[in-house]
Each structure stands twice: as C-alpha cells, then as structure tokens.
Protein backbone atom coordinates (compact mmCIF):
# COMPACT_ATOMS: atom_id res chain seq x y z
CA MET A 1 -25.32 -134.38 114.32
CA ASN A 2 -24.83 -131.62 111.81
CA PHE A 3 -22.17 -129.49 113.16
CA ASP A 4 -22.12 -127.16 110.12
CA ARG A 5 -24.08 -124.86 112.41
CA ILE A 6 -20.73 -124.18 114.08
CA PRO A 7 -18.46 -123.75 111.05
CA LEU A 8 -15.47 -122.86 113.26
CA SER A 9 -13.23 -125.81 112.50
CA ARG A 10 -9.39 -125.28 112.20
CA ARG A 11 -9.66 -126.45 108.56
CA ASN A 12 -12.41 -123.96 107.57
CA LEU A 13 -10.60 -121.06 109.48
CA LEU A 14 -7.38 -121.74 107.68
CA LYS A 15 -9.23 -122.04 104.41
CA TYR A 16 -10.98 -118.85 104.73
CA THR A 17 -7.86 -117.01 105.92
CA ALA A 18 -5.95 -118.26 102.89
CA VAL A 19 -8.71 -117.14 100.44
CA GLY A 20 -8.81 -113.69 102.08
CA ALA A 21 -5.12 -113.32 101.91
CA ILE A 22 -4.99 -114.18 98.23
CA ALA A 23 -7.94 -111.77 97.36
CA GLY A 24 -5.91 -109.01 99.08
CA GLY A 25 -2.62 -109.90 97.42
CA THR A 26 -0.90 -110.38 100.75
CA LEU A 27 0.53 -113.90 100.21
CA THR A 28 4.29 -114.14 99.63
CA SER A 29 5.75 -116.31 96.85
CA THR A 30 7.60 -118.66 99.09
CA ALA A 31 5.38 -121.62 97.99
CA CYS A 32 6.74 -121.08 94.49
CA SER A 33 10.32 -120.82 95.46
CA ASN A 34 12.96 -122.77 93.40
CA ASN A 35 14.88 -123.56 96.72
CA LYS A 36 15.66 -127.22 96.87
CA PRO A 37 13.83 -128.80 99.78
CA LYS A 38 16.05 -129.92 102.66
CA GLU A 39 16.75 -133.65 102.59
CA VAL A 40 15.90 -135.33 105.82
CA GLY A 41 17.70 -138.22 107.56
CA ILE A 42 21.28 -139.28 107.38
CA VAL A 43 23.47 -141.20 104.99
CA ASN A 44 25.21 -144.11 106.58
CA ALA A 45 28.47 -145.67 105.69
CA ASP A 46 26.99 -147.74 102.89
CA GLY A 47 25.55 -144.66 101.20
CA LYS A 48 22.03 -145.42 102.23
CA ARG A 49 19.77 -142.71 103.45
CA ILE A 50 18.23 -143.53 106.72
CA LEU A 51 15.05 -141.60 107.46
CA PRO A 52 14.15 -140.54 110.94
CA TRP A 53 11.34 -142.28 112.83
CA SER A 54 8.25 -140.92 114.53
CA ASN A 55 5.41 -142.71 116.26
CA TRP A 56 1.71 -142.19 115.31
CA SER A 57 1.13 -139.15 117.55
CA GLY A 58 4.47 -137.51 117.09
CA ASN A 59 5.42 -137.46 120.66
CA GLN A 60 8.33 -139.95 120.19
CA ASN A 61 11.08 -139.36 117.67
CA CYS A 62 14.52 -140.51 116.77
CA GLN A 63 17.18 -140.71 114.12
CA PRO A 64 18.37 -144.26 113.95
CA SER A 65 21.67 -145.08 112.31
CA ASP A 66 20.22 -147.98 110.29
CA ARG A 67 16.81 -149.49 109.45
CA ILE A 68 16.34 -153.09 108.49
CA VAL A 69 13.42 -155.12 107.35
CA PRO A 70 14.36 -158.85 107.17
CA ARG A 71 12.59 -161.01 104.66
CA ASN A 72 12.44 -163.95 106.82
CA GLU A 73 13.32 -165.51 110.16
CA ASP A 74 16.72 -166.56 108.73
CA GLU A 75 17.63 -163.04 107.84
CA LEU A 76 16.65 -161.91 111.27
CA LEU A 77 18.86 -164.55 112.89
CA THR A 78 21.85 -163.44 110.84
CA LEU A 79 21.33 -159.81 111.80
CA LEU A 80 21.08 -160.54 115.48
CA ARG A 81 24.16 -162.94 115.46
CA SER A 82 26.33 -160.47 113.47
CA GLY A 83 25.03 -157.19 114.63
CA ASN A 84 27.26 -154.87 116.52
CA GLN A 85 24.56 -152.27 117.49
CA LYS A 86 21.74 -152.07 119.93
CA ILE A 87 18.41 -153.12 118.26
CA ARG A 88 14.99 -151.86 118.83
CA MET A 89 12.08 -153.41 117.28
CA LEU A 90 9.31 -151.52 115.42
CA GLY A 91 5.73 -152.33 115.48
CA SER A 92 3.23 -149.88 114.00
CA GLY A 93 4.43 -146.98 116.07
CA HIS A 94 1.09 -146.62 117.97
CA SER A 95 2.47 -146.73 121.45
CA PHE A 96 2.79 -143.38 123.19
CA SER A 97 5.72 -144.53 125.51
CA GLY A 98 9.51 -144.42 124.67
CA LEU A 99 9.93 -147.99 123.72
CA ILE A 100 11.40 -147.41 120.29
CA PRO A 101 13.69 -144.14 120.05
CA THR A 102 17.38 -145.07 119.47
CA ASP A 103 20.27 -143.77 117.61
CA HIS A 104 21.19 -147.32 116.82
CA THR A 105 19.34 -149.86 114.60
CA LEU A 106 15.62 -150.06 114.10
CA VAL A 107 14.09 -153.58 112.78
CA SER A 108 10.77 -154.08 111.51
CA LEU A 109 9.02 -157.42 110.96
CA ALA A 110 6.76 -155.82 108.26
CA ARG A 111 7.81 -158.73 105.82
CA LEU A 112 6.85 -161.48 108.29
CA ARG A 113 3.14 -161.30 108.10
CA GLY A 114 0.12 -163.36 107.54
CA ILE A 115 -1.37 -166.47 109.05
CA GLU A 116 -0.12 -170.14 108.58
CA ASN A 117 -0.97 -173.61 109.69
CA VAL A 118 -4.80 -173.16 110.00
CA ASP A 119 -6.32 -176.00 112.03
CA LYS A 120 -10.03 -176.08 111.41
CA GLU A 121 -10.81 -178.74 114.09
CA THR A 122 -9.22 -176.77 117.03
CA ASN A 123 -9.57 -173.21 115.44
CA GLN A 124 -5.96 -172.58 116.14
CA VAL A 125 -3.64 -170.57 113.83
CA ASP A 126 -0.22 -169.42 113.56
CA VAL A 127 0.30 -165.53 113.28
CA LEU A 128 3.49 -164.11 112.01
CA GLY A 129 4.72 -161.27 114.26
CA GLY A 130 4.55 -158.37 111.74
CA THR A 131 0.88 -159.01 110.98
CA ARG A 132 -1.32 -156.03 111.38
CA LEU A 133 -4.50 -156.65 113.41
CA SER A 134 -6.53 -155.46 110.48
CA GLN A 135 -4.90 -158.09 108.21
CA LEU A 136 -5.34 -160.81 110.86
CA GLY A 137 -9.00 -160.09 111.10
CA SER A 138 -9.49 -160.21 107.29
CA GLU A 139 -7.42 -163.36 106.62
CA LEU A 140 -9.10 -165.16 109.53
CA TRP A 141 -12.44 -164.19 108.11
CA ASP A 142 -11.51 -165.81 104.75
CA GLN A 143 -10.82 -168.98 106.72
CA GLY A 144 -14.27 -168.90 108.36
CA LEU A 145 -12.71 -167.83 111.76
CA SER A 146 -12.57 -164.69 113.97
CA VAL A 147 -10.42 -163.37 116.78
CA ILE A 148 -12.01 -163.82 120.17
CA ASN A 149 -11.49 -160.07 120.88
CA MET A 150 -9.81 -157.02 119.29
CA SER A 151 -8.76 -153.57 120.20
CA ASP A 152 -10.80 -150.75 118.79
CA ILE A 153 -7.83 -149.71 116.76
CA ASP A 154 -6.50 -152.41 114.36
CA SER A 155 -3.32 -150.81 112.87
CA GLN A 156 -1.09 -152.46 115.49
CA THR A 157 1.16 -155.42 114.70
CA PHE A 158 0.22 -158.66 116.50
CA SER A 159 3.62 -158.96 118.22
CA GLY A 160 3.50 -155.28 119.28
CA ALA A 161 0.00 -155.73 120.63
CA VAL A 162 1.17 -158.75 122.79
CA ALA A 163 4.25 -156.86 123.95
CA THR A 164 2.04 -154.06 125.28
CA SER A 165 -1.00 -155.98 126.60
CA THR A 166 -3.25 -154.20 123.93
CA HIS A 167 -6.85 -155.01 124.59
CA GLY A 168 -10.47 -154.41 123.68
CA THR A 169 -13.23 -154.51 126.12
CA GLY A 170 -15.38 -157.20 127.66
CA ARG A 171 -15.97 -158.34 131.24
CA ASP A 172 -15.31 -161.93 130.29
CA LEU A 173 -12.57 -161.39 127.68
CA GLN A 174 -8.79 -161.00 128.15
CA SER A 175 -6.36 -158.89 126.35
CA ILE A 176 -5.01 -160.03 122.96
CA SER A 177 -2.09 -161.72 124.83
CA GLY A 178 -4.78 -164.01 126.37
CA GLN A 179 -5.52 -165.51 123.02
CA MET A 180 -1.86 -166.66 122.67
CA LEU A 181 -1.23 -170.46 123.17
CA SER A 182 2.44 -170.46 122.36
CA SER A 183 5.11 -168.10 120.77
CA ARG A 184 8.51 -168.19 119.26
CA PHE A 185 11.21 -165.71 120.38
CA VAL A 186 14.56 -165.05 118.76
CA THR A 187 16.79 -163.70 121.46
CA ALA A 188 19.41 -161.04 121.32
CA SER A 189 22.16 -163.66 120.88
CA GLY A 190 20.37 -165.27 117.85
CA ASP A 191 18.87 -168.22 119.79
CA ILE A 192 15.37 -169.57 119.01
CA LEU A 193 13.05 -170.31 121.99
CA ASP A 194 9.56 -171.65 121.75
CA CYS A 195 7.35 -171.15 124.84
CA SER A 196 4.06 -172.16 126.08
CA PRO A 197 2.44 -172.86 129.46
CA THR A 198 4.30 -176.22 129.43
CA GLU A 199 7.45 -175.34 127.49
CA ASN A 200 9.75 -172.67 128.73
CA SER A 201 6.80 -171.55 130.89
CA ASP A 202 8.63 -168.72 132.64
CA LEU A 203 9.23 -167.01 129.22
CA TYR A 204 5.57 -167.74 128.32
CA HIS A 205 4.27 -166.03 131.35
CA ALA A 206 6.64 -163.08 130.77
CA SER A 207 5.74 -162.76 127.26
CA GLY A 208 2.27 -161.41 127.60
CA ASN A 209 3.53 -157.80 128.39
CA HIS A 210 7.22 -158.03 127.66
CA LEU A 211 7.89 -154.48 126.18
CA GLY A 212 10.46 -156.02 123.84
CA ALA A 213 12.85 -156.95 126.52
CA LEU A 214 12.75 -160.73 125.85
CA GLY A 215 13.81 -160.63 122.25
CA VAL A 216 11.83 -160.71 119.07
CA MET A 217 8.47 -162.48 118.86
CA THR A 218 8.40 -163.79 115.37
CA ARG A 219 5.21 -165.79 115.51
CA SER A 220 2.39 -166.98 117.96
CA ARG A 221 -0.16 -169.73 117.90
CA ILE A 222 -3.48 -168.33 118.89
CA GLN A 223 -6.91 -169.57 119.81
CA THR A 224 -9.70 -168.23 117.40
CA VAL A 225 -13.38 -168.99 117.13
CA PRO A 226 -15.74 -169.62 114.25
CA ALA A 227 -16.43 -166.34 112.32
CA TYR A 228 -19.24 -164.18 113.68
CA HIS A 229 -21.03 -160.95 113.06
CA LEU A 230 -21.50 -158.08 115.41
CA LYS A 231 -24.19 -155.58 116.30
CA GLU A 232 -22.82 -152.29 117.68
CA HIS A 233 -25.07 -149.86 119.54
CA SER A 234 -24.14 -146.40 121.00
CA TRP A 235 -26.18 -143.85 122.66
CA MET A 236 -25.64 -140.73 124.89
CA MET A 237 -26.89 -140.78 128.46
CA PRO A 238 -26.59 -138.58 131.53
CA GLU A 239 -23.32 -138.92 133.31
CA GLU A 240 -24.71 -140.25 136.57
CA GLU A 241 -26.89 -142.81 134.76
CA GLY A 242 -23.77 -143.98 132.84
CA LEU A 243 -21.79 -144.47 136.04
CA GLU A 244 -24.58 -146.17 137.97
CA THR A 245 -25.42 -148.59 135.16
CA ALA A 246 -21.82 -149.51 134.09
CA LEU A 247 -21.28 -152.76 135.97
CA GLU A 248 -24.80 -154.00 135.06
CA LEU A 249 -24.27 -153.18 131.35
CA SER A 250 -20.97 -154.93 131.34
CA LYS A 251 -22.80 -158.15 132.51
CA GLN A 252 -25.51 -157.79 129.97
CA HIS A 253 -23.35 -157.32 126.81
CA ARG A 254 -20.39 -159.26 125.36
CA HIS A 255 -18.48 -155.99 125.01
CA TYR A 256 -19.32 -152.82 126.89
CA GLU A 257 -17.35 -149.57 127.13
CA MET A 258 -18.17 -145.98 127.91
CA PHE A 259 -16.74 -142.65 126.82
CA ALA A 260 -17.03 -139.93 129.51
CA LEU A 261 -16.82 -136.50 128.17
CA PRO A 262 -14.93 -134.05 130.45
CA HIS A 263 -16.86 -130.82 131.42
CA SER A 264 -20.02 -132.29 130.23
CA LYS A 265 -23.18 -133.98 131.78
CA TYR A 266 -23.05 -136.90 129.44
CA ILE A 267 -21.39 -140.37 128.87
CA LEU A 268 -21.53 -142.27 125.64
CA GLY A 269 -22.29 -145.86 126.10
CA LEU A 270 -21.24 -148.47 123.50
CA THR A 271 -22.17 -152.13 123.32
CA LEU A 272 -21.07 -154.99 120.97
CA ASP A 273 -22.95 -158.21 120.82
CA LYS A 274 -22.77 -161.37 118.65
CA VAL A 275 -25.56 -161.83 116.04
CA ALA A 276 -26.34 -164.62 113.70
CA ALA A 277 -25.62 -163.92 110.12
CA GLU A 278 -29.39 -164.00 109.18
CA GLU A 279 -29.94 -161.32 111.82
CA VAL A 280 -27.95 -158.75 109.91
CA PRO A 281 -30.42 -156.66 107.95
CA ALA A 282 -30.21 -156.88 104.23
CA GLU A 283 -29.60 -153.24 104.14
CA PRO A 284 -27.90 -152.38 107.46
CA PRO A 285 -28.45 -148.93 109.12
CA VAL A 286 -25.81 -146.60 107.64
CA GLY A 287 -23.84 -145.26 110.55
CA SER A 288 -23.53 -141.46 110.60
CA GLY A 289 -20.56 -141.35 112.78
CA ASP A 290 -22.44 -138.73 114.86
CA ALA A 291 -20.47 -138.93 118.11
CA TYR A 292 -17.06 -139.18 116.50
CA GLU A 293 -17.71 -136.38 114.02
CA ALA A 294 -19.20 -134.16 116.81
CA PHE A 295 -16.15 -134.63 118.90
CA ARG A 296 -13.85 -133.56 115.92
CA MET A 297 -15.71 -130.44 115.31
CA LEU A 298 -15.88 -129.68 119.10
CA SER A 299 -12.25 -130.11 119.63
CA ASN A 300 -11.54 -127.70 116.86
CA ALA A 301 -14.11 -125.14 117.96
CA ILE A 302 -12.83 -125.16 121.57
CA ASP A 303 -9.27 -124.53 120.39
CA TYR A 304 -10.58 -120.99 119.40
CA MET A 305 -13.29 -120.63 121.99
CA PRO A 306 -11.90 -122.14 125.27
CA PHE A 307 -14.08 -119.89 127.35
CA ALA A 308 -17.14 -121.74 125.92
CA ARG A 309 -15.82 -125.23 126.60
CA ARG A 310 -18.42 -126.28 128.89
CA TRP A 311 -21.38 -125.03 126.80
CA LEU A 312 -19.94 -126.44 123.63
CA VAL A 313 -19.38 -129.94 124.94
CA ASN A 314 -22.79 -130.19 126.55
CA TYR A 315 -24.49 -128.74 123.48
CA GLY A 316 -22.62 -131.16 121.12
CA ALA A 317 -23.31 -134.21 123.33
CA SER A 318 -27.07 -133.40 123.67
CA THR A 319 -27.50 -133.54 119.84
CA VAL A 320 -25.88 -137.05 119.32
CA LYS A 321 -28.51 -139.56 118.50
CA PRO A 322 -28.44 -143.37 119.06
CA GLU A 323 -26.64 -145.32 116.39
CA THR A 324 -26.74 -148.94 115.38
CA ARG A 325 -24.57 -150.71 112.90
CA TYR A 326 -23.89 -154.35 111.90
CA GLY A 327 -21.07 -156.04 110.23
CA THR A 328 -18.47 -158.78 110.34
CA SER A 329 -16.29 -158.86 113.49
CA PRO A 330 -13.25 -157.29 111.73
CA GLU A 331 -15.42 -154.61 110.41
CA ILE A 332 -17.05 -153.71 113.58
CA PHE A 333 -13.89 -154.04 115.78
CA GLY A 334 -11.67 -151.58 113.82
CA ASN A 335 -12.49 -147.94 114.02
CA LEU A 336 -11.16 -144.85 112.35
CA ARG A 337 -9.07 -142.83 114.68
CA ASP A 338 -7.60 -139.88 112.86
CA ILE A 339 -7.60 -137.20 115.56
CA ARG A 340 -4.01 -137.49 116.76
CA PHE A 341 -3.54 -137.59 120.61
CA ASN A 342 -1.37 -138.84 123.36
CA GLU A 343 -2.94 -141.04 125.94
CA MET A 344 -2.59 -141.90 129.53
CA GLU A 345 -3.83 -145.31 130.61
CA TYR A 346 -4.61 -146.51 134.14
CA THR A 347 -5.94 -149.80 135.51
CA VAL A 348 -8.15 -150.17 138.57
CA PRO A 349 -10.08 -153.21 139.96
CA ALA A 350 -13.22 -153.57 137.88
CA GLU A 351 -15.53 -153.09 140.77
CA TYR A 352 -14.13 -149.65 141.54
CA GLY A 353 -14.00 -148.45 137.96
CA PRO A 354 -17.18 -146.41 137.88
CA GLN A 355 -16.31 -144.69 141.20
CA CYS A 356 -12.90 -144.00 140.16
CA LEU A 357 -14.14 -142.46 136.93
CA ARG A 358 -16.58 -140.34 138.79
CA GLU A 359 -13.80 -138.78 140.96
CA VAL A 360 -11.78 -138.16 137.88
CA LEU A 361 -14.61 -136.22 136.20
CA GLU A 362 -15.33 -134.30 139.38
CA LYS A 363 -11.73 -133.30 139.68
CA ILE A 364 -11.57 -132.07 136.08
CA LYS A 365 -14.58 -129.99 136.70
CA LYS A 366 -13.60 -128.66 140.00
CA ASP A 367 -10.24 -127.49 138.87
CA ASN A 368 -11.34 -126.49 135.40
CA ILE A 369 -8.58 -128.61 133.85
CA PRO A 370 -8.35 -127.81 130.15
CA VAL A 371 -8.93 -131.24 128.64
CA ILE A 372 -11.87 -132.32 126.44
CA PHE A 373 -10.74 -135.64 125.04
CA PRO A 374 -13.08 -138.40 126.09
CA ILE A 375 -12.09 -140.77 128.84
CA GLU A 376 -12.53 -144.28 127.49
CA ALA A 377 -13.50 -146.86 130.15
CA ARG A 378 -13.18 -150.59 129.31
CA TYR A 379 -13.46 -153.82 131.14
CA VAL A 380 -10.75 -156.58 130.76
CA LYS A 381 -10.75 -160.11 132.31
CA ALA A 382 -7.80 -161.15 134.58
CA ASP A 383 -4.93 -163.14 133.17
CA ASP A 384 -1.76 -164.60 134.54
CA PHE A 385 0.98 -162.81 132.60
CA TRP A 386 3.48 -161.47 135.00
CA LEU A 387 3.67 -157.82 134.02
CA SER A 388 0.08 -157.59 132.80
CA PRO A 389 -2.03 -154.69 133.87
CA PHE A 390 -4.65 -157.39 134.58
CA TYR A 391 -2.47 -159.74 136.40
CA LYS A 392 -4.89 -162.04 138.42
CA ARG A 393 -7.43 -159.09 138.56
CA ALA A 394 -10.25 -157.95 136.32
C-alpha cells in the first residue's frame, strides 16, 4: 500500500513545520545553547552513576540505587548471599506490568547468555537465562535446530519469556514455557535449586509463569526440533468472514492468528506453515510490509483527523494486498515492532474466542471508543503450569 497519498504523518507534519519556521526566521536559538545538559540518574556511595530505568513502552519507570550485571553464576550467588537490598531482575523490559520498578537493586543476566550442551540425538539444549530469543533462534539454527514455537517479538530474554508465559500462536503449540524440560533457580538466600517434572516438581510447575517470585532462573534445558523453514501468508478479509473461519483456519495451519482492526469492516489473517528447504523459492517474494506500514501511517493520520477515524481505517485496510514470504524459522518468527504501545491481554477458552472478539469489536463501534490499535487474537495449547493463563485449557 502506498500511503504517500495521505502525507499527514506526524514526522512529515513536524518536518514541514520546522522548515516553515526556519524560513520565517521564527526559531529560537535554544538548540545552540551552551548550557550544559542536565545529568540523569544518581551517584551512589561508590561514586558510580546509576541511570534510571524505563521499560520498552515507557509506562514503567524507576530510579534504582544500584544496577549489577554479574559475569557468571558465581558472581550472582555472591550478590544474593551478601546483598542487603531488595533485588528485582531485569529482562528486556518488554513487559507492560509493574514487575521491575524499584528504588533498590536491579540485576540483569545480560552476560549469562547463549546455548550449551547441545544434544543432537535428543535435540535438547541448555539455554542461559539472559539469552535473547533472537539470539536463541540464530544459535540454534547454526546447530541445525529450531525452537518449537516463538513469540512474534524476539527481543525478550528467555528467562523473562518463561516468567511471563510469553507465547506465539498455534492450536497445537504451547507457550515458550512448554518447551522447558528443566530449570535452575538461584533463590533469594543464594541456594541453587534444579527442578523438572521429577525433581522439585512443585517448583517446576510453578516456574512456567513465576513472575520473578521464585528467584533467578539462570538456565533451562529445552526441547527443540530439527531446523525448519516457514512460509508466511497474510491477507485482509471481511470482519465476519474472519470471525466465522477462525477456528477452521486454526486447524488447517500450524500457526494461525488474526488482527482485528477496531472501527473497520476488516480482519487481517496470518498463517505460518513449515515448508521444506527445496520449496523456498530461489528468489523469495520480497515482502512489502503493506499491513504494518499502512497501520503506521493510519495511526499518525488519525491523531490529526480523529473525526475521520472510521473512513481512514476502512480505506487503509481495503488497499492492503495479500503478502507471502519465506525464510528460516528465526527470520519469520521475529517481527519489527517499532510503534510503541501499551497492551492489555486476556485469555478465554479457545472455542469462545471468535465470539468474544466479535462482542469486543461491537462494543468499540457502539460506544465509539477511541482506539485503533489492532486486536491480536492467537491460539495457545493448554499446559500444566500453575499460574499459566493456559492452565489445563486451550
């Protein structure tokens, strides 16, 4: 979709405003001031400057008294055994909830990352807690392996993803926690506990969505599968068609999800399916990113023309063309998400999902609720982790 026909993006508006101001000689000289910029953060007792922390979207912030990045598990143990402050663990800061903010100590596992102990016979691998999902995908690929499933954003750390039941989509696929065979925790008192379905089983069943309450997950052994390629296909369809066919499409494809556009008559469907390497075209179709780019432009335009919200959303959706792309599993799973947002997430029994989504969309239209961000609807298989949103229920 070429949205240059609606050049009312925030970026363009600011650019043109600035050009006009310069031409008219109306800009002040504050940008050239010699004033020293204000330093951020605090200086602790050791003379170290401690920067404030903010999550990805900016809705969670804090000023910790210390930040520590242990180089290995031994340093982490020393910290926990000798520390005299409360400790919160940092992942990638992707979560929207208040799991991190503290005025005490923030600890990151950024130096504990990578994979170890690769077993090619069982396809099992140890993943260190600070490993980003993007790094996990690429390192596994180098070993001829792939994760069973992945979220559509791959910036999270593995331990953070497990702690929050991060998930992708797939009627027969569990959350990332479901790939975990065993884990190692370092407790607040500095003890090491290994857990699995047969060892410290209560800890294991609590660990799949532990929200940081059980200690620090330093490593996990996970089940992987031989490396595979994926074909992704997306298309826009009428809203009612999307709702009526959702359950059937979830059965027909390895991964199916849909993006409902509030105030519109459309739903974007998206499927992922395994393909053999020889099925990948020598020159795969180049994805245009129509749907994502269209939404970016729409969101900016609606900021300035809220009265035209319904027309803009429907017009933009109607011009999005079907798109197909191929790639390795880590290439296709991970997506660019650079429009910052805060998210609400709800889980309902899979069989009621489409009807629930229908009622939500009807409510938004009826009350003219001023939201345009797509509602992403995904399928997740049941698991048996105690606090999991999918506990014994798809």
